[in-house]
Amino acid sequence: MGASWTQVADPVRALHATGVRARGRFRIEHGRTRTTRLLARMLRLPRPAAAAEIRLIVTTGPGVEHWLRTFDGRRLETHQYEAGEFELAERFGLLEFRFHLLASDGSLLYLQREAAFRFGSVRLRVPSSWAPRIQAREDPAGPERVSVHVRVSLPGLGPLITYDGFVDVEGTPA
């Protein structure tokens, strides 16, 4: 993000530090239709909960961050990497999402640019009218606390999963 990274509040920046560990509680909801609930189960997304325990461990490798999230014991792993100036790519299985990152009043906003299927080095862009839509933001909520809001929707079906809550940054993994 270049110089605009300094406009992001300290707790949010700490969440993206090398080797971070965090924990907290999230409210998790699946979509209301039978189809979205079935898809959420097939994708092994976190189960609905009023206050799921969340654990996060971020580790780094050459040019990539590995994000391991555990929601009440259920793992969700993604890989994040730079995809251009002010752009971040996040990969979940065969799906890759690209976001423009924006600092706003200390928060970090993820503005989705596109989605694609990735098979090794082959990348097949999904037309925006068919692509899942992700809305995400991280807001400062205390000296070491970050409020997280994520919503994933599917065209014509509505919300697939929504989760929000807080994480407290604890430090580097053991």
C-alpha atoms as a PDB file:
ATOM      1  CA  MET A   1       0.000   0.000   0.000  1.00  0.00           C
ATOM      2  CA  GLY A   2       3.013   2.245   0.022  1.00  0.00           C
ATOM      3  CA  ALA A   3       2.795   5.397   2.119  1.00  0.00           C
ATOM      4  CA  SER A   4      -0.964   4.969   2.683  1.00  0.00           C
ATOM      5  CA  TRP A   5      -0.170   1.983   4.950  1.00  0.00           C
ATOM      6  CA  THR A   6       0.731   4.545   7.648  1.00  0.00           C
ATOM      7  CA  GLN A   7      -2.916   5.733   7.543  1.00  0.00           C
ATOM      8  CA  VAL A   8      -4.031   2.304   8.815  1.00  0.00           C
ATOM      9  CA  ALA A   9      -4.358   2.156  12.620  1.00  0.00           C
ATOM     10  CA  ASP A  10      -1.684   0.319  14.619  1.00  0.00           C
ATOM     11  CA  PRO A  11      -3.874  -2.638  15.724  1.00  0.00           C
ATOM     12  CA  VAL A  12      -4.905  -3.332  12.106  1.00  0.00           C
ATOM     13  CA  ARG A  13      -1.303  -3.077  10.898  1.00  0.00           C
ATOM     14  CA  ALA A  14      -0.246  -5.437  13.705  1.00  0.00           C
ATOM     15  CA  LEU A  15      -2.725  -8.020  12.418  1.00  0.00           C
ATOM     16  CA  HIS A  16      -0.710  -8.100   9.175  1.00  0.00           C
ATOM     17  CA  ALA A  17       2.731  -8.340  10.777  1.00  0.00           C
ATOM     18  CA  THR A  18       5.013 -11.262  10.068  1.00  0.00           C
ATOM     19  CA  GLY A  19       4.185 -14.283  12.216  1.00  0.00           C
ATOM     20  CA  VAL A  20       1.162 -12.836  14.000  1.00  0.00           C
ATOM     21  CA  ARG A  21      -1.215 -14.787  16.221  1.00  0.00           C
ATOM     22  CA  ALA A  22      -4.668 -13.535  17.268  1.00  0.00           C
ATOM     23  CA  ARG A  23      -7.858 -14.837  18.847  1.00  0.00           C
ATOM     24  CA  GLY A  24     -11.373 -13.609  19.408  1.00  0.00           C
ATOM     25  CA  ARG A  25     -15.081 -14.261  18.855  1.00  0.00           C
ATOM     26  CA  PHE A  26     -17.157 -14.042  15.674  1.00  0.00           C
ATOM     27  CA  ARG A  27     -20.832 -14.237  14.863  1.00  0.00           C
ATOM     28  CA  ILE A  28     -21.172 -16.493  11.809  1.00  0.00           C
ATOM     29  CA  GLU A  29     -24.243 -16.757   9.588  1.00  0.00           C
ATOM     30  CA  HIS A  30     -24.871 -18.806   6.452  1.00  0.00           C
ATOM     31  CA  GLY A  31     -27.238 -17.776   3.683  1.00  0.00           C
ATOM     32  CA  ARG A  32     -30.941 -18.300   4.132  1.00  0.00           C
ATOM     33  CA  THR A  33     -31.576 -20.535   1.138  1.00  0.00           C
ATOM     34  CA  ARG A  34     -31.162 -24.294   1.039  1.00  0.00           C
ATOM     35  CA  THR A  35     -28.699 -23.906  -1.849  1.00  0.00           C
ATOM     36  CA  THR A  36     -26.401 -21.464  -0.027  1.00  0.00           C
ATOM     37  CA  ARG A  37     -26.447 -23.570   3.145  1.00  0.00           C
ATOM     38  CA  LEU A  38     -25.556 -26.680   1.114  1.00  0.00           C
ATOM     39  CA  LEU A  39     -22.740 -24.819  -0.671  1.00  0.00           C
ATOM     40  CA  ALA A  40     -21.365 -23.553   2.647  1.00  0.00           C
ATOM     41  CA  ARG A  41     -21.221 -27.148   3.934  1.00  0.00           C
ATOM     42  CA  MET A  42     -19.654 -28.439   0.698  1.00  0.00           C
ATOM     43  CA  LEU A  43     -16.968 -25.735   0.855  1.00  0.00           C
ATOM     44  CA  ARG A  44     -16.347 -26.615   4.533  1.00  0.00           C
ATOM     45  CA  LEU A  45     -16.936 -23.021   5.574  1.00  0.00           C
ATOM     46  CA  PRO A  46     -17.212 -22.227   9.281  1.00  0.00           C
ATOM     47  CA  ARG A  47     -20.473 -23.374  10.872  1.00  0.00           C
ATOM     48  CA  PRO A  48     -23.074 -20.807  11.964  1.00  0.00           C
ATOM     49  CA  ALA A  49     -22.543 -19.638  15.548  1.00  0.00           C
ATOM     50  CA  ALA A  50     -23.516 -16.757  17.790  1.00  0.00           C
ATOM     51  CA  ALA A  51     -20.007 -16.496  19.289  1.00  0.00           C
ATOM     52  CA  ALA A  52     -17.522 -18.833  17.613  1.00  0.00           C
ATOM     53  CA  GLU A  53     -14.014 -18.891  19.031  1.00  0.00           C
ATOM     54  CA  ILE A  54     -11.618 -17.690  16.322  1.00  0.00           C
ATOM     55  CA  ARG A  55      -7.896 -18.265  16.214  1.00  0.00           C
ATOM     56  CA  LEU A  56      -5.644 -16.798  13.566  1.00  0.00           C
ATOM     57  CA  ILE A  57      -2.042 -17.594  12.735  1.00  0.00           C
ATOM     58  CA  VAL A  58      -0.307 -15.750   9.904  1.00  0.00           C
ATOM     59  CA  THR A  59       2.992 -17.143   8.662  1.00  0.00           C
ATOM     60  CA  THR A  60       5.067 -15.911   5.768  1.00  0.00           C
ATOM     61  CA  GLY A  61       7.029 -17.489   2.965  1.00  0.00           C
ATOM     62  CA  PRO A  62       8.677 -16.074  -0.141  1.00  0.00           C
ATOM     63  CA  GLY A  63       6.143 -13.532  -1.463  1.00  0.00           C
ATOM     64  CA  VAL A  64       3.154 -15.074   0.333  1.00  0.00           C
ATOM     65  CA  GLU A  65       1.342 -15.018   3.672  1.00  0.00           C
ATOM     66  CA  HIS A  66      -0.405 -18.176   4.868  1.00  0.00           C
ATOM     67  CA  TRP A  67      -3.542 -17.331   6.874  1.00  0.00           C
ATOM     68  CA  LEU A  68      -4.823 -20.147   9.059  1.00  0.00           C
ATOM     69  CA  ARG A  69      -8.135 -19.280  10.665  1.00  0.00           C
ATOM     70  CA  THR A  70      -9.824 -21.716  13.028  1.00  0.00           C
ATOM     71  CA  PHE A  71     -13.511 -21.145  13.812  1.00  0.00           C
ATOM     72  CA  ASP A  72     -14.610 -23.338  16.765  1.00  0.00           C
ATOM     73  CA  GLY A  73     -12.014 -25.890  15.643  1.00  0.00           C
ATOM     74  CA  ARG A  74     -12.875 -25.773  11.908  1.00  0.00           C
ATOM     75  CA  ARG A  75      -9.932 -24.684   9.746  1.00  0.00           C
ATOM     76  CA  LEU A  76     -10.112 -22.163   6.921  1.00  0.00           C
ATOM     77  CA  GLU A  77      -6.817 -21.610   5.127  1.00  0.00           C
ATOM     78  CA  THR A  78      -5.980 -19.016   2.497  1.00  0.00           C
ATOM     79  CA  HIS A  79      -2.846 -17.611   0.917  1.00  0.00           C
ATOM     80  CA  GLN A  80      -2.390 -13.878   0.354  1.00  0.00           C
ATOM     81  CA  TYR A  81       0.122 -12.225  -1.940  1.00  0.00           C
ATOM     82  CA  GLU A  82       0.744  -8.963  -3.736  1.00  0.00           C
ATOM     83  CA  ALA A  83      -1.031  -8.746  -7.098  1.00  0.00           C
ATOM     84  CA  GLY A  84      -0.031  -5.234  -8.165  1.00  0.00           C
ATOM     85  CA  GLU A  85       0.209  -1.759  -6.722  1.00  0.00           C
ATOM     86  CA  PHE A  86      -2.293  -1.460  -3.832  1.00  0.00           C
ATOM     87  CA  GLU A  87      -3.678  -4.886  -4.785  1.00  0.00           C
ATOM     88  CA  LEU A  88      -3.839  -8.097  -2.828  1.00  0.00           C
ATOM     89  CA  ALA A  89      -4.723 -11.568  -4.105  1.00  0.00           C
ATOM     90  CA  GLU A  90      -6.197 -14.137  -1.750  1.00  0.00           C
ATOM     91  CA  ARG A  91      -6.429 -17.762  -2.758  1.00  0.00           C
ATOM     92  CA  PHE A  92      -8.932 -20.234  -1.313  1.00  0.00           C
ATOM     93  CA  GLY A  93      -8.526 -23.654  -2.943  1.00  0.00           C
ATOM     94  CA  LEU A  94      -8.866 -23.124  -6.698  1.00  0.00           C
ATOM     95  CA  LEU A  95     -10.431 -19.675  -6.283  1.00  0.00           C
ATOM     96  CA  GLU A  96      -8.408 -16.480  -6.349  1.00  0.00           C
ATOM     97  CA  PHE A  97      -9.869 -13.119  -5.378  1.00  0.00           C
ATOM     98  CA  ARG A  98      -8.165  -9.805  -6.051  1.00  0.00           C
ATOM     99  CA  PHE A  99      -8.742  -6.731  -3.934  1.00  0.00           C
ATOM    100  CA  HIS A 100      -7.771  -3.094  -4.023  1.00  0.00           C
ATOM    101  CA  LEU A 101      -6.716  -2.103  -0.483  1.00  0.00           C
ATOM    102  CA  LEU A 102      -7.865   1.243   0.855  1.00  0.00           C
ATOM    103  CA  ALA A 103      -7.062   2.990   4.131  1.00  0.00           C
ATOM    104  CA  SER A 104     -10.017   4.920   5.560  1.00  0.00           C
ATOM    105  CA  ASP A 105     -10.107   6.535   9.033  1.00  0.00           C
ATOM    106  CA  GLY A 106      -7.632   3.963  10.366  1.00  0.00           C
ATOM    107  CA  SER A 107      -9.526   1.028   8.855  1.00  0.00           C
ATOM    108  CA  LEU A 108      -8.454  -1.293   6.068  1.00  0.00           C
ATOM    109  CA  LEU A 109     -11.043  -1.835   3.328  1.00  0.00           C
ATOM    110  CA  TYR A 110     -10.868  -4.672   0.818  1.00  0.00           C
ATOM    111  CA  LEU A 111     -12.507  -3.629  -2.461  1.00  0.00           C
ATOM    112  CA  GLN A 112     -12.928  -6.689  -4.660  1.00  0.00           C
ATOM    113  CA  ARG A 113     -11.667  -6.258  -8.225  1.00  0.00           C
ATOM    114  CA  GLU A 114     -12.133  -9.726  -9.676  1.00  0.00           C
ATOM    115  CA  ALA A 115     -12.311 -13.473  -9.110  1.00  0.00           C
ATOM    116  CA  ALA A 116     -10.638 -16.287 -11.017  1.00  0.00           C
ATOM    117  CA  PHE A 117      -9.972 -20.003 -10.987  1.00  0.00           C
ATOM    118  CA  ARG A 118      -6.274 -20.866 -10.573  1.00  0.00           C
ATOM    119  CA  PHE A 119      -4.805 -24.133 -11.805  1.00  0.00           C
ATOM    120  CA  GLY A 120      -1.078 -23.800 -11.156  1.00  0.00           C
ATOM    121  CA  SER A 121       0.053 -20.894 -13.326  1.00  0.00           C
ATOM    122  CA  VAL A 122      -3.162 -20.944 -15.401  1.00  0.00           C
ATOM    123  CA  ARG A 123      -5.649 -18.266 -14.338  1.00  0.00           C
ATOM    124  CA  LEU A 124      -9.210 -18.196 -15.692  1.00  0.00           C
ATOM    125  CA  ARG A 125     -11.076 -15.030 -14.794  1.00  0.00           C
ATOM    126  CA  VAL A 126     -14.696 -15.446 -13.690  1.00  0.00           C
ATOM    127  CA  PRO A 127     -17.071 -12.934 -15.335  1.00  0.00           C
ATOM    128  CA  SER A 128     -18.139 -10.406 -12.693  1.00  0.00           C
ATOM    129  CA  SER A 129     -21.817 -11.287 -13.205  1.00  0.00           C
ATOM    130  CA  TRP A 130     -21.049 -14.872 -12.059  1.00  0.00           C
ATOM    131  CA  ALA A 131     -18.320 -14.232  -9.510  1.00  0.00           C
ATOM    132  CA  PRO A 132     -18.763 -14.475  -5.748  1.00  0.00           C
ATOM    133  CA  ARG A 133     -18.649 -10.997  -4.186  1.00  0.00           C
ATOM    134  CA  ILE A 134     -16.643 -10.372  -1.041  1.00  0.00           C
ATOM    135  CA  GLN A 135     -17.040  -7.317   1.164  1.00  0.00           C
ATOM    136  CA  ALA A 136     -14.449  -7.054   3.921  1.00  0.00           C
ATOM    137  CA  ARG A 137     -13.017  -4.525   6.330  1.00  0.00           C
ATOM    138  CA  GLU A 138     -10.866  -4.383   9.432  1.00  0.00           C
ATOM    139  CA  ASP A 139     -11.426  -1.590  11.943  1.00  0.00           C
ATOM    140  CA  PRO A 140      -9.389  -0.617  15.023  1.00  0.00           C
ATOM    141  CA  ALA A 141     -11.329  -1.475  18.197  1.00  0.00           C
ATOM    142  CA  GLY A 142      -8.742  -1.005  20.944  1.00  0.00           C
ATOM    143  CA  PRO A 143      -4.967  -0.960  21.499  1.00  0.00           C
ATOM    144  CA  GLU A 144      -4.573  -4.577  20.268  1.00  0.00           C
ATOM    145  CA  ARG A 145      -8.114  -5.341  19.077  1.00  0.00           C
ATOM    146  CA  VAL A 146      -9.428  -5.396  15.529  1.00  0.00           C
ATOM    147  CA  SER A 147     -13.062  -5.575  14.494  1.00  0.00           C
ATOM    148  CA  VAL A 148     -13.506  -7.748  11.377  1.00  0.00           C
ATOM    149  CA  HIS A 149     -16.465  -7.779   8.981  1.00  0.00           C
ATOM    150  CA  VAL A 150     -16.678 -10.213   6.029  1.00  0.00           C
ATOM    151  CA  ARG A 151     -19.613 -11.005   3.746  1.00  0.00           C
ATOM    152  CA  VAL A 152     -19.509 -13.390   0.789  1.00  0.00           C
ATOM    153  CA  SER A 153     -22.460 -13.295  -1.626  1.00  0.00           C
ATOM    154  CA  LEU A 154     -23.305 -15.277  -4.739  1.00  0.00           C
ATOM    155  CA  PRO A 155     -25.044 -13.717  -7.768  1.00  0.00           C
ATOM    156  CA  GLY A 156     -28.713 -14.663  -7.823  1.00  0.00           C
ATOM    157  CA  LEU A 157     -28.473 -16.523  -4.496  1.00  0.00           C
ATOM    158  CA  GLY A 158     -27.530 -13.818  -2.003  1.00  0.00           C
ATOM    159  CA  PRO A 159     -25.305 -14.233   1.052  1.00  0.00           C
ATOM    160  CA  LEU A 160     -23.260 -17.432   1.342  1.00  0.00           C
ATOM    161  CA  ILE A 161     -21.553 -16.584   4.638  1.00  0.00           C
ATOM    162  CA  THR A 162     -21.225 -13.516   6.831  1.00  0.00           C
ATOM    163  CA  TYR A 163     -18.947 -13.262   9.816  1.00  0.00           C
ATOM    164  CA  ASP A 164     -18.022 -10.421  12.099  1.00  0.00           C
ATOM    165  CA  GLY A 165     -16.530  -9.886  15.491  1.00  0.00           C
ATOM    166  CA  PHE A 166     -13.177  -9.080  16.996  1.00  0.00           C
ATOM    167  CA  VAL A 167      -9.685 -10.489  17.304  1.00  0.00           C
ATOM    168  CA  ASP A 168      -7.039  -9.549  19.818  1.00  0.00           C
ATOM    169  CA  VAL A 169      -3.502  -9.583  18.446  1.00  0.00           C
ATOM    170  CA  GLU A 170      -1.369 -11.760  20.737  1.00  0.00           C
ATOM    171  CA  GLY A 171       2.014 -11.884  19.040  1.00  0.00           C
ATOM    172  CA  THR A 172       4.154 -14.260  17.034  1.00  0.00           C
ATOM    173  CA  PRO A 173       3.540 -18.034  16.814  1.00  0.00           C
ATOM    174  CA  ALA A 174       5.587 -20.373  18.979  1.00  0.00           C
END
